[in-house]
Protein backbone atom coordinates (compact mmCIF):
# COMPACT_ATOMS: atom_id res chain seq x y z
CA MET A 1 0.17 0.08 -0.26
CA PRO A 2 1.42 3.47 -0.79
CA GLN A 3 2.87 5.91 1.91
CA GLY A 4 -0.29 7.73 3.12
CA VAL A 5 -3.04 6.00 1.79
CA GLN A 6 -5.96 5.84 4.05
CA ILE A 7 -8.87 3.22 3.57
CA ILE A 8 -11.73 3.97 5.31
CA THR A 9 -14.55 1.31 6.04
CA MET A 10 -18.04 2.76 6.21
CA ILE A 11 -20.35 1.66 8.83
CA GLN A 12 -23.75 2.77 8.32
CA THR A 13 -26.11 3.43 11.71
CA ILE A 14 -29.44 3.04 11.34
CA HIS A 15 -31.64 4.52 14.09
CA PRO A 16 -35.35 3.37 14.55
CA GLU A 17 -37.31 6.45 15.57
CA VAL A 18 -40.89 6.97 17.26
CA VAL A 19 -43.18 7.79 15.13
CA CYS A 20 -45.72 9.43 18.14
CA GLU A 21 -46.75 8.92 21.15
CA LEU A 22 -49.12 6.45 21.09
CA LYS A 23 -48.05 3.02 22.18
CA SER A 24 -50.43 -0.15 21.02
CA GLU A 25 -50.96 -2.83 23.28
CA LEU A 26 -50.02 -5.12 20.17
CA GLY A 27 -49.62 -3.08 17.13
CA GLU A 28 -49.86 -4.84 14.22
CA GLY A 29 -50.43 -4.69 9.94
CA PRO A 30 -48.72 -0.66 9.36
CA LEU A 31 -50.33 0.15 6.04
CA TRP A 32 -49.53 3.30 3.84
CA ASP A 33 -52.39 4.97 2.14
CA ALA A 34 -50.51 7.07 -0.59
CA SER A 35 -53.79 8.93 -1.30
CA ARG A 36 -53.95 10.37 2.15
CA SER A 37 -50.31 10.26 2.53
CA LEU A 38 -50.60 8.34 6.24
CA ILE A 39 -49.43 5.52 8.02
CA CYS A 40 -52.28 3.65 9.75
CA TRP A 41 -52.14 0.55 11.65
CA VAL A 42 -54.09 -1.59 14.06
CA ASP A 43 -53.92 -2.14 17.61
CA ILE A 44 -55.56 -5.87 17.77
CA LEU A 45 -56.88 -6.43 21.39
CA ASN A 46 -58.34 -2.91 21.73
CA GLY A 47 -60.17 -2.96 18.39
CA HIS A 48 -58.25 0.32 17.03
CA ILE A 49 -57.30 1.55 13.86
CA HIS A 50 -54.88 4.48 14.20
CA GLU A 51 -54.08 6.83 11.20
CA TRP A 52 -51.01 9.17 11.05
CA SER A 53 -50.35 12.17 9.56
CA PRO A 54 -46.48 12.65 9.22
CA GLN A 55 -46.75 15.83 7.88
CA LYS A 56 -49.52 17.20 9.93
CA LYS A 57 -48.06 15.50 12.90
CA SER A 58 -51.65 14.53 13.79
CA LEU A 59 -52.83 11.35 14.60
CA ASN A 60 -56.70 10.02 14.03
CA THR A 61 -57.81 6.67 15.93
CA LEU A 62 -60.71 4.59 14.59
CA SER A 63 -62.55 2.05 17.23
CA VAL A 64 -64.28 -1.00 15.86
CA GLY A 65 -65.26 -1.95 18.96
CA GLN A 66 -63.86 -5.69 18.53
CA MET A 67 -60.87 -6.98 17.77
CA ILE A 68 -59.56 -6.63 14.74
CA GLY A 69 -56.23 -8.57 13.45
CA ALA A 70 -55.97 -6.89 10.08
CA MET A 71 -57.36 -4.13 7.54
CA ALA A 72 -56.54 -3.12 4.20
CA LEU A 73 -57.62 -0.39 1.53
CA THR A 74 -60.63 -1.12 -0.75
CA ASP A 75 -60.74 0.88 -4.17
CA LYS A 76 -63.26 2.83 -2.97
CA GLY A 77 -61.44 4.00 -0.58
CA ASP A 78 -63.14 2.01 2.96
CA TYR A 79 -61.08 -0.48 4.74
CA ILE A 80 -61.73 -4.37 3.82
CA ALA A 81 -61.03 -5.89 8.08
CA ALA A 82 -60.15 -9.15 9.39
CA LEU A 83 -62.02 -8.88 12.59
CA LYS A 84 -63.09 -11.06 15.62
CA SER A 85 -66.61 -11.56 13.99
CA GLY A 86 -65.27 -11.72 10.36
CA PHE A 87 -64.91 -9.86 7.52
CA GLY A 88 -66.30 -6.79 7.34
CA LYS A 89 -65.85 -2.82 5.71
CA ILE A 90 -65.10 0.08 7.87
CA ASP A 91 -66.07 4.06 6.27
CA PRO A 92 -62.97 5.62 7.49
CA LYS A 93 -64.99 8.91 7.46
CA THR A 94 -67.86 7.99 9.72
CA THR A 95 -66.27 4.39 11.88
CA GLU A 96 -69.34 2.39 10.03
CA LEU A 97 -68.53 -1.00 10.28
CA GLU A 98 -70.77 -3.40 7.41
CA MET A 99 -70.10 -7.10 8.30
CA ILE A 100 -69.75 -9.14 5.33
CA ILE A 101 -69.45 -13.07 6.23
CA ASP A 102 -67.69 -14.80 9.36
CA PRO A 103 -66.30 -18.15 8.07
CA GLU A 104 -65.49 -19.11 12.02
CA GLY A 105 -68.33 -18.16 13.45
CA HIS A 106 -69.00 -21.83 14.95
CA MET A 107 -65.33 -20.90 16.78
CA PRO A 108 -65.66 -17.96 19.26
CA LEU A 109 -62.23 -19.16 20.59
CA ASN A 110 -60.68 -17.85 17.68
CA ARG A 111 -59.65 -14.35 16.18
CA PHE A 112 -58.36 -13.05 13.04
CA ASN A 113 -54.52 -12.22 13.31
CA ASP A 114 -52.73 -10.47 10.18
CA GLY A 115 -53.99 -9.89 6.11
CA LYS A 116 -53.30 -8.33 2.97
CA CYS A 117 -54.17 -8.26 -0.13
CA ASP A 118 -52.44 -9.82 -3.04
CA PRO A 119 -52.24 -8.61 -6.50
CA GLU A 120 -55.63 -9.29 -8.10
CA GLY A 121 -57.05 -7.65 -5.16
CA ARG A 122 -58.27 -10.44 -3.26
CA PHE A 123 -57.96 -9.91 0.74
CA TRP A 124 -56.65 -12.96 2.29
CA ALA A 125 -56.01 -12.94 6.37
CA GLY A 126 -55.53 -15.43 9.11
CA THR A 127 -57.22 -16.77 12.20
CA MET A 128 -55.50 -18.30 15.72
CA PRO A 129 -56.70 -19.84 18.85
CA ILE A 130 -56.70 -16.49 21.28
CA ALA A 131 -55.31 -18.51 24.05
CA GLU A 132 -52.12 -19.51 21.44
CA ASP A 133 -52.59 -22.97 22.78
CA GLY A 134 -53.25 -25.25 19.74
CA SER A 135 -53.67 -24.93 15.73
CA THR A 136 -56.97 -24.16 15.29
CA GLY A 137 -56.10 -21.44 12.83
CA SER A 138 -56.78 -21.37 9.38
CA LEU A 139 -56.14 -19.10 6.17
CA TYR A 140 -59.01 -17.75 4.30
CA MET A 141 -58.97 -15.65 0.92
CA LEU A 142 -61.98 -12.75 0.38
CA ASP A 143 -62.62 -12.77 -3.15
CA ASN A 144 -64.18 -9.45 -5.38
CA SER A 145 -67.30 -11.26 -5.35
CA LEU A 146 -67.32 -11.37 -1.30
CA ASN A 147 -66.86 -15.16 -0.98
CA VAL A 148 -64.85 -16.93 1.11
CA THR A 149 -62.50 -19.48 0.26
CA LYS A 150 -60.42 -21.56 2.96
CA LYS A 151 -56.79 -21.93 1.76
CA GLU A 152 -54.83 -23.99 4.57
CA SER A 153 -55.86 -25.05 7.91
CA ASP A 154 -53.96 -26.34 11.00
CA ILE A 155 -52.28 -22.80 11.57
CA SER A 156 -51.39 -21.76 14.77
CA VAL A 157 -50.43 -18.22 14.55
CA SER A 158 -51.45 -16.75 10.93
CA ASN A 159 -48.61 -14.45 10.43
CA GLY A 160 -46.83 -12.57 7.29
CA LEU A 161 -48.12 -12.47 3.97
CA ALA A 162 -46.07 -11.53 0.86
CA TRP A 163 -46.51 -12.06 -3.02
CA SER A 164 -43.07 -12.30 -5.38
CA LEU A 165 -42.34 -9.14 -7.73
CA ASP A 166 -43.94 -12.01 -10.93
CA ARG A 167 -46.69 -12.75 -9.04
CA ARG A 168 -46.05 -16.40 -8.80
CA ILE A 169 -45.27 -17.33 -5.47
CA MET A 170 -47.03 -16.18 -2.20
CA TYR A 171 -45.18 -16.31 0.98
CA PHE A 172 -46.86 -17.02 4.47
CA ILE A 173 -45.92 -17.70 7.79
CA ASP A 174 -47.40 -19.47 10.80
CA SER A 175 -45.05 -17.86 13.49
CA PRO A 176 -44.37 -20.63 15.95
CA THR A 177 -42.73 -22.88 12.93
CA ARG A 178 -39.97 -20.41 12.70
CA LYS A 179 -40.21 -20.55 9.20
CA VAL A 180 -41.25 -18.28 5.98
CA VAL A 181 -42.83 -20.56 3.29
CA GLY A 182 -43.37 -20.51 -0.02
CA TYR A 183 -46.15 -21.59 -2.41
CA ASP A 184 -46.37 -21.68 -6.53
CA TYR A 185 -49.45 -19.12 -6.65
CA ASP A 186 -52.06 -18.79 -9.33
CA HIS A 187 -53.05 -15.22 -9.20
CA ASP A 188 -55.78 -15.93 -11.77
CA GLY A 189 -58.12 -18.28 -9.14
CA GLY A 190 -55.38 -17.81 -6.16
CA SER A 191 -54.84 -21.31 -6.04
CA LEU A 192 -51.74 -22.76 -3.99
CA SER A 193 -49.80 -25.81 -4.48
CA ASN A 194 -46.06 -26.72 -3.41
CA LYS A 195 -45.12 -25.43 -0.24
CA ARG A 196 -41.67 -25.53 0.94
CA THR A 197 -39.50 -23.50 3.46
CA VAL A 198 -37.45 -20.75 1.83
CA ILE A 199 -36.75 -19.35 5.42
CA ASP A 200 -35.64 -20.51 8.33
CA ILE A 201 -35.25 -18.09 11.66
CA ALA A 202 -32.52 -18.82 14.04
CA GLU A 203 -34.00 -19.85 17.56
CA THR A 204 -31.84 -17.04 19.02
CA ASP A 205 -33.82 -14.65 16.29
CA GLY A 206 -37.07 -14.82 18.30
CA PHE A 207 -39.94 -15.70 15.54
CA PRO A 208 -41.23 -14.37 12.32
CA ASP A 209 -44.03 -12.25 12.54
CA GLY A 210 -45.03 -9.61 10.24
CA MET A 211 -43.22 -8.74 6.67
CA THR A 212 -43.08 -7.14 3.82
CA ILE A 213 -41.15 -7.13 0.44
CA ASP A 214 -39.13 -4.46 -1.18
CA ASP A 215 -38.73 -3.52 -5.12
CA GLU A 216 -35.62 -6.19 -5.25
CA GLY A 217 -38.08 -9.25 -4.05
CA MET A 218 -36.58 -9.63 -0.83
CA LEU A 219 -38.33 -9.87 2.03
CA TRP A 220 -38.55 -8.13 5.26
CA VAL A 221 -39.60 -9.70 8.98
CA ALA A 222 -40.66 -8.52 12.15
CA HIS A 223 -38.84 -10.87 14.18
CA TRP A 224 -41.59 -11.37 17.74
CA GLY A 225 -38.88 -11.59 20.78
CA GLY A 226 -35.74 -10.97 18.47
CA TRP A 227 -35.30 -7.22 18.72
CA GLN A 228 -34.95 -6.60 15.43
CA VAL A 229 -36.42 -6.58 11.79
CA ALA A 230 -34.39 -7.85 9.33
CA ARG A 231 -34.13 -8.12 5.47
CA TYR A 232 -33.78 -12.06 3.73
CA ASP A 233 -33.15 -13.41 0.33
CA PRO A 234 -36.45 -15.92 -0.04
CA VAL A 235 -34.36 -17.44 -2.86
CA THR A 236 -31.16 -18.13 -0.84
CA GLY A 237 -32.58 -18.01 2.55
CA LYS A 238 -30.17 -15.67 3.86
CA LYS A 239 -30.47 -13.14 6.33
CA LEU A 240 -28.73 -9.95 4.08
CA LEU A 241 -29.76 -7.38 7.07
CA SER A 242 -31.09 -6.68 10.48
CA VAL A 243 -31.78 -3.86 11.91
CA SER A 244 -32.18 -3.80 15.64
CA MET A 245 -34.82 -2.34 17.51
CA PRO A 246 -35.05 -0.66 21.59
CA VAL A 247 -37.92 -3.23 21.82
CA ALA A 248 -37.88 -7.38 22.20
CA GLN A 249 -41.71 -7.73 20.35
CA VAL A 250 -41.30 -5.85 16.62
CA THR A 251 -44.70 -7.52 14.78
CA SER A 252 -44.63 -6.05 11.05
CA CYS A 253 -43.56 -3.46 8.72
CA ALA A 254 -44.31 -1.76 5.96
CA PHE A 255 -42.73 0.51 3.39
CA GLY A 256 -44.13 4.17 3.20
CA GLY A 257 -43.77 7.91 2.75
CA THR A 258 -43.55 9.35 -1.25
CA ASP A 259 -41.10 7.40 -2.03
CA PHE A 260 -41.33 4.48 0.15
CA LYS A 261 -37.86 4.59 1.30
CA ASP A 262 -39.63 4.85 4.81
CA LEU A 263 -39.65 1.62 6.90
CA TYR A 264 -42.27 1.43 9.32
CA VAL A 265 -42.38 -1.22 12.35
CA THR A 266 -45.15 -1.65 14.52
CA THR A 267 -44.70 -3.37 18.36
CA ALA A 268 -45.98 -4.71 20.91
CA ARG A 269 -46.52 -4.61 24.89
CA LYS A 270 -48.43 -7.23 25.22
CA GLY A 271 -47.54 -10.35 27.89
CA LEU A 272 -43.93 -7.89 29.06
CA SER A 273 -43.86 -7.82 32.60
CA GLU A 274 -43.67 -4.63 34.60
CA LYS A 275 -39.84 -5.38 34.97
CA GLU A 276 -39.30 -5.71 31.26
CA LEU A 277 -41.75 -2.69 30.12
CA GLU A 278 -39.15 -0.69 32.89
CA GLU A 279 -36.70 -1.67 30.60
CA GLN A 280 -38.52 -1.24 27.39
CA PRO A 281 -40.29 2.13 27.46
CA LEU A 282 -41.32 1.73 24.08
CA ALA A 283 -43.12 -1.04 23.75
CA GLY A 284 -46.10 -0.71 21.43
CA SER A 285 -44.61 2.18 19.56
CA LEU A 286 -45.20 2.71 16.36
CA PHE A 287 -41.24 3.14 14.58
CA VAL A 288 -39.58 4.58 11.07
CA ILE A 289 -36.39 3.49 10.14
CA ARG A 290 -35.26 6.50 7.19
CA ASN A 291 -32.40 5.93 4.73
CA LEU A 292 -32.17 2.41 4.53
CA GLY A 293 -31.18 2.00 1.30
CA HIS A 294 -33.99 0.18 -0.28
CA LYS A 295 -37.36 0.86 -1.31
CA GLY A 296 -40.65 -0.27 -1.06
CA LEU A 297 -43.79 -0.98 -3.55
CA PRO A 298 -47.47 0.27 -2.98
CA ALA A 299 -49.72 -1.83 -1.17
CA TYR A 300 -52.46 -3.97 -3.32
CA GLN A 301 -55.75 -2.66 -2.83
CA PHE A 302 -59.08 -4.80 -2.57
CA LYS A 303 -60.96 -4.28 -5.99
CA THR A 304 -64.54 -4.81 -5.04
CA LYS A 305 -66.74 -6.03 -7.96
CA ALA A 306 -68.80 -3.43 -9.84
């Protein structure tokens, strides 16, 4: 090496920022509403949809009167939601709830958990036992005619959903398995086949929870009990990047902002002891991670049949 030449290794430090003072009991399902420039998320156990405007620094909370596992935007500007009593539509202006169908009305000990729309504008959402003591959950698809089809069963904690950029693979998480699985996905009819493991999560990393996909086809997975959100290559199964979080129970993530370069991350306080809450005063907060060097995509909307 020539004298006087110095090699400098650049180390990028990523700092998650707290978005607002609100703390959720079980924050989940972040969703960027580009039409209103809002980041939206749910507090499952309290039955709330939260809407935060980064521009106005203002919070609006919708109370739906029951547990809400997930929601997505419709092409009419409403929310389509997976609630304790089934699938429903919510008017964000009036909070009026119109129930559609309850595929598990005969299973009062279950509730809906995570959900998301697929590229064809159908809403997928899975259930789980409220007591988290078995595998009575299932994965459902609500189509554009408002018909429900069961797609998977024997699920413990139905969680993250994502679709590959070429729309040929659907990714799914049943958290206790510590796996992300992939299915061959028929985007015309929504059928699934050829289930296989694409990512194994190390035991030291906690449990995989919610997830999203970036514009390079890499998966971003929130780690419940793992103090992190991480980027994975679903082709090789390798972890590419890990962002440390100041709280243990990291629940889900979604890209947002005008250019989809901000990663919003939900977290939870549920189940933490008083001592753990003292050690994690930010538990339950919504965080944003900026300047990741990666970009997301707009969330698919539910297509209402004309």
